[in-house]
Amino acid sequence: MKNLKQKNSSWLADYAEYMAIKESFGYQSFIHWDEEIKRADKTAREKYRTELQDSIRYYTVTQYFFFKTMVSVKRIC
């Protein structure tokens, strides 16, 4: 998992945070989110990171298993 985070540090944390926030808004379009998070307000992002840390971890782990599965598929092919 640590290796995945290091190799994908340019996008993984942002992706997991985005998906957790999107889930918290019922998977609605970005335009329906609260204004402060749409503007990526620093305080709002910290608030959501704290409140959604389990969900953020879930999306990070999901990517880990996805990449692990894809490596196995590539070996088979």
N, C-alpha and C. Protein backbone atom coordinates (compact mmCIF):
# COMPACT_ATOMS: atom_id res chain seq x y z
N MET A 1 0.83 -1.19 0.00
CA MET A 1 0.00 0.00 0.00
C MET A 1 0.87 1.25 0.00
N LYS A 2 1.92 1.23 0.79
CA LYS A 2 2.82 2.39 0.86
C LYS A 2 3.43 2.66 -0.51
N ASN A 3 3.79 1.60 -1.22
CA ASN A 3 4.37 1.73 -2.55
C ASN A 3 3.37 2.38 -3.52
N LEU A 4 2.11 1.97 -3.43
CA LEU A 4 1.07 2.56 -4.28
C LEU A 4 0.95 4.05 -4.01
N LYS A 5 0.94 4.45 -2.75
CA LYS A 5 0.81 5.86 -2.39
C LYS A 5 2.00 6.66 -2.91
N GLN A 6 3.19 6.09 -2.81
CA GLN A 6 4.39 6.80 -3.29
C GLN A 6 4.38 6.94 -4.80
N LYS A 7 4.08 5.87 -5.50
CA LYS A 7 4.11 5.90 -6.97
C LYS A 7 2.99 6.74 -7.57
N ASN A 8 1.92 6.93 -6.83
CA ASN A 8 0.75 7.64 -7.35
C ASN A 8 0.41 8.88 -6.53
N SER A 9 1.41 9.44 -5.89
CA SER A 9 1.19 10.58 -5.01
C SER A 9 0.65 11.81 -5.73
N SER A 10 0.84 11.87 -7.05
CA SER A 10 0.38 13.05 -7.79
C SER A 10 -1.14 13.12 -7.92
N TRP A 11 -1.84 11.99 -7.68
CA TRP A 11 -3.28 12.01 -7.88
C TRP A 11 -4.09 11.22 -6.86
N LEU A 12 -3.51 10.23 -6.21
CA LEU A 12 -4.28 9.29 -5.39
C LEU A 12 -5.01 9.97 -4.22
N ALA A 13 -4.33 10.80 -3.46
CA ALA A 13 -4.97 11.46 -2.32
C ALA A 13 -6.11 12.36 -2.77
N ASP A 14 -5.89 13.11 -3.85
CA ASP A 14 -6.96 13.99 -4.36
C ASP A 14 -8.15 13.18 -4.87
N TYR A 15 -7.86 12.06 -5.55
CA TYR A 15 -8.93 11.20 -6.06
C TYR A 15 -9.77 10.65 -4.90
N ALA A 16 -9.10 10.10 -3.88
CA ALA A 16 -9.80 9.50 -2.75
C ALA A 16 -10.63 10.56 -2.01
N GLU A 17 -10.05 11.74 -1.85
CA GLU A 17 -10.78 12.83 -1.18
C GLU A 17 -11.99 13.25 -2.01
N TYR A 18 -11.80 13.41 -3.31
CA TYR A 18 -12.90 13.79 -4.21
C TYR A 18 -14.04 12.77 -4.14
N MET A 19 -13.70 11.49 -4.24
CA MET A 19 -14.73 10.45 -4.23
C MET A 19 -15.46 10.39 -2.89
N ALA A 20 -14.74 10.58 -1.79
CA ALA A 20 -15.37 10.58 -0.47
C ALA A 20 -16.34 11.76 -0.34
N ILE A 21 -15.92 12.91 -0.82
CA ILE A 21 -16.80 14.09 -0.76
C ILE A 21 -18.00 13.89 -1.67
N LYS A 22 -17.77 13.38 -2.86
CA LYS A 22 -18.87 13.13 -3.79
C LYS A 22 -19.87 12.16 -3.17
N GLU A 23 -19.37 11.11 -2.53
CA GLU A 23 -20.25 10.16 -1.85
C GLU A 23 -21.06 10.84 -0.75
N SER A 24 -20.41 11.75 0.00
CA SER A 24 -21.11 12.43 1.10
C SER A 24 -22.25 13.32 0.59
N PHE A 25 -22.18 13.72 -0.67
CA PHE A 25 -23.25 14.51 -1.29
C PHE A 25 -24.17 13.63 -2.14
N GLY A 26 -24.19 12.34 -1.84
CA GLY A 26 -25.09 11.43 -2.54
C GLY A 26 -24.72 11.22 -3.99
N TYR A 27 -23.45 11.31 -4.31
CA TYR A 27 -22.92 11.14 -5.67
C TYR A 27 -23.48 12.17 -6.65
N GLN A 28 -23.93 13.29 -6.13
CA GLN A 28 -24.44 14.36 -6.98
C GLN A 28 -23.29 15.04 -7.71
N SER A 29 -23.64 15.71 -8.78
CA SER A 29 -22.68 16.50 -9.54
C SER A 29 -22.03 17.55 -8.64
N PHE A 30 -20.82 17.88 -8.95
CA PHE A 30 -20.03 18.89 -8.26
C PHE A 30 -20.80 20.21 -8.09
N ILE A 31 -21.64 20.56 -9.03
CA ILE A 31 -22.36 21.83 -8.96
C ILE A 31 -23.36 21.88 -7.80
N HIS A 32 -23.69 20.73 -7.22
CA HIS A 32 -24.63 20.67 -6.11
C HIS A 32 -23.94 20.64 -4.75
N TRP A 33 -22.64 20.71 -4.72
CA TRP A 33 -21.89 20.67 -3.46
C TRP A 33 -21.94 22.03 -2.78
N ASP A 34 -21.58 22.05 -1.49
CA ASP A 34 -21.49 23.31 -0.75
C ASP A 34 -20.44 24.21 -1.40
N GLU A 35 -20.70 25.49 -1.37
CA GLU A 35 -19.83 26.46 -2.05
C GLU A 35 -18.38 26.41 -1.56
N GLU A 36 -18.19 26.29 -0.25
CA GLU A 36 -16.82 26.33 0.26
C GLU A 36 -15.98 25.15 -0.22
N ILE A 37 -16.60 24.00 -0.41
CA ILE A 37 -15.82 22.86 -0.90
C ILE A 37 -15.65 22.94 -2.42
N LYS A 38 -16.61 23.52 -3.10
CA LYS A 38 -16.45 23.73 -4.55
C LYS A 38 -15.28 24.66 -4.83
N ARG A 39 -15.08 25.65 -3.96
CA ARG A 39 -13.97 26.59 -4.13
C ARG A 39 -12.66 26.02 -3.60
N ALA A 40 -12.71 24.81 -3.05
CA ALA A 40 -11.54 24.15 -2.46
C ALA A 40 -10.95 24.98 -1.32
N ASP A 41 -11.84 25.59 -0.56
CA ASP A 41 -11.43 26.36 0.61
C ASP A 41 -10.61 25.47 1.54
N LYS A 42 -9.47 25.96 1.98
CA LYS A 42 -8.55 25.16 2.80
C LYS A 42 -9.22 24.64 4.07
N THR A 43 -9.94 25.49 4.75
CA THR A 43 -10.62 25.08 5.98
C THR A 43 -11.67 24.01 5.69
N ALA A 44 -12.42 24.18 4.62
CA ALA A 44 -13.44 23.20 4.25
C ALA A 44 -12.81 21.86 3.89
N ARG A 45 -11.70 21.90 3.16
CA ARG A 45 -11.03 20.65 2.79
C ARG A 45 -10.53 19.92 4.03
N GLU A 46 -9.97 20.65 4.98
CA GLU A 46 -9.50 20.03 6.22
C GLU A 46 -10.67 19.42 6.99
N LYS A 47 -11.79 20.13 7.02
CA LYS A 47 -13.00 19.65 7.70
C LYS A 47 -13.47 18.34 7.07
N TYR A 48 -13.56 18.32 5.74
CA TYR A 48 -14.01 17.11 5.05
C TYR A 48 -13.01 15.97 5.20
N ARG A 49 -11.71 16.27 5.17
CA ARG A 49 -10.70 15.23 5.38
C ARG A 49 -10.86 14.57 6.74
N THR A 50 -11.16 15.37 7.74
CA THR A 50 -11.34 14.84 9.09
C THR A 50 -12.63 14.03 9.18
N GLU A 51 -13.72 14.60 8.70
CA GLU A 51 -15.02 13.94 8.79
C GLU A 51 -15.10 12.68 7.94
N LEU A 52 -14.41 12.67 6.82
CA LEU A 52 -14.53 11.57 5.86
C LEU A 52 -13.30 10.67 5.80
N GLN A 53 -12.48 10.67 6.84
CA GLN A 53 -11.23 9.93 6.78
C GLN A 53 -11.43 8.44 6.52
N ASP A 54 -12.49 7.84 7.05
CA ASP A 54 -12.74 6.42 6.78
C ASP A 54 -13.08 6.19 5.31
N SER A 55 -13.89 7.06 4.77
CA SER A 55 -14.27 6.95 3.36
C SER A 55 -13.07 7.21 2.45
N ILE A 56 -12.25 8.17 2.82
CA ILE A 56 -11.03 8.46 2.04
C ILE A 56 -10.11 7.24 2.05
N ARG A 57 -9.97 6.63 3.20
CA ARG A 57 -9.16 5.42 3.31
C ARG A 57 -9.75 4.31 2.44
N TYR A 58 -11.08 4.18 2.43
CA TYR A 58 -11.75 3.17 1.61
C TYR A 58 -11.39 3.35 0.13
N TYR A 59 -11.48 4.57 -0.38
CA TYR A 59 -11.18 4.79 -1.80
C TYR A 59 -9.71 4.58 -2.11
N THR A 60 -8.84 4.85 -1.15
CA THR A 60 -7.41 4.58 -1.34
C THR A 60 -7.17 3.07 -1.40
N VAL A 61 -7.76 2.32 -0.49
CA VAL A 61 -7.60 0.87 -0.47
C VAL A 61 -8.22 0.24 -1.72
N THR A 62 -9.34 0.77 -2.16
CA THR A 62 -9.97 0.27 -3.38
C THR A 62 -9.01 0.39 -4.57
N GLN A 63 -8.31 1.51 -4.66
CA GLN A 63 -7.34 1.68 -5.74
C GLN A 63 -6.18 0.70 -5.60
N TYR A 64 -5.78 0.42 -4.38
CA TYR A 64 -4.72 -0.56 -4.14
C TYR A 64 -5.14 -1.92 -4.71
N PHE A 65 -6.34 -2.38 -4.38
CA PHE A 65 -6.80 -3.67 -4.88
C PHE A 65 -7.01 -3.65 -6.39
N PHE A 66 -7.47 -2.54 -6.93
CA PHE A 66 -7.62 -2.42 -8.37
C PHE A 66 -6.27 -2.59 -9.06
N PHE A 67 -5.25 -1.87 -8.60
CA PHE A 67 -3.93 -1.97 -9.21
C PHE A 67 -3.33 -3.37 -9.04
N LYS A 68 -3.53 -3.95 -7.88
CA LYS A 68 -3.03 -5.29 -7.62
C LYS A 68 -3.68 -6.29 -8.58
N THR A 69 -4.98 -6.16 -8.79
CA THR A 69 -5.69 -7.03 -9.73
C THR A 69 -5.21 -6.80 -11.15
N MET A 70 -5.02 -5.55 -11.54
CA MET A 70 -4.57 -5.25 -12.90
C MET A 70 -3.18 -5.82 -13.17
N VAL A 71 -2.30 -5.81 -12.19
CA VAL A 71 -0.97 -6.40 -12.36
C VAL A 71 -1.12 -7.90 -12.62
N SER A 72 -2.01 -8.55 -11.88
CA SER A 72 -2.24 -9.99 -12.08
C SER A 72 -2.82 -10.27 -13.46
N VAL A 73 -3.75 -9.45 -13.89
CA VAL A 73 -4.36 -9.62 -15.21
C VAL A 73 -3.31 -9.45 -16.30
N LYS A 74 -2.45 -8.46 -16.15
CA LYS A 74 -1.39 -8.24 -17.16
C LYS A 74 -0.45 -9.43 -17.25
N ARG A 75 -0.15 -10.05 -16.11
CA ARG A 75 0.72 -11.23 -16.12
C ARG A 75 0.06 -12.39 -16.87
N ILE A 76 -1.23 -12.54 -16.69
CA ILE A 76 -1.96 -13.62 -17.35
C ILE A 76 -2.03 -13.40 -18.85
N CYS A 77 -2.25 -12.16 -19.24
CA CYS A 77 -2.36 -11.83 -20.65
C CYS A 77 -0.99 -11.88 -21.28
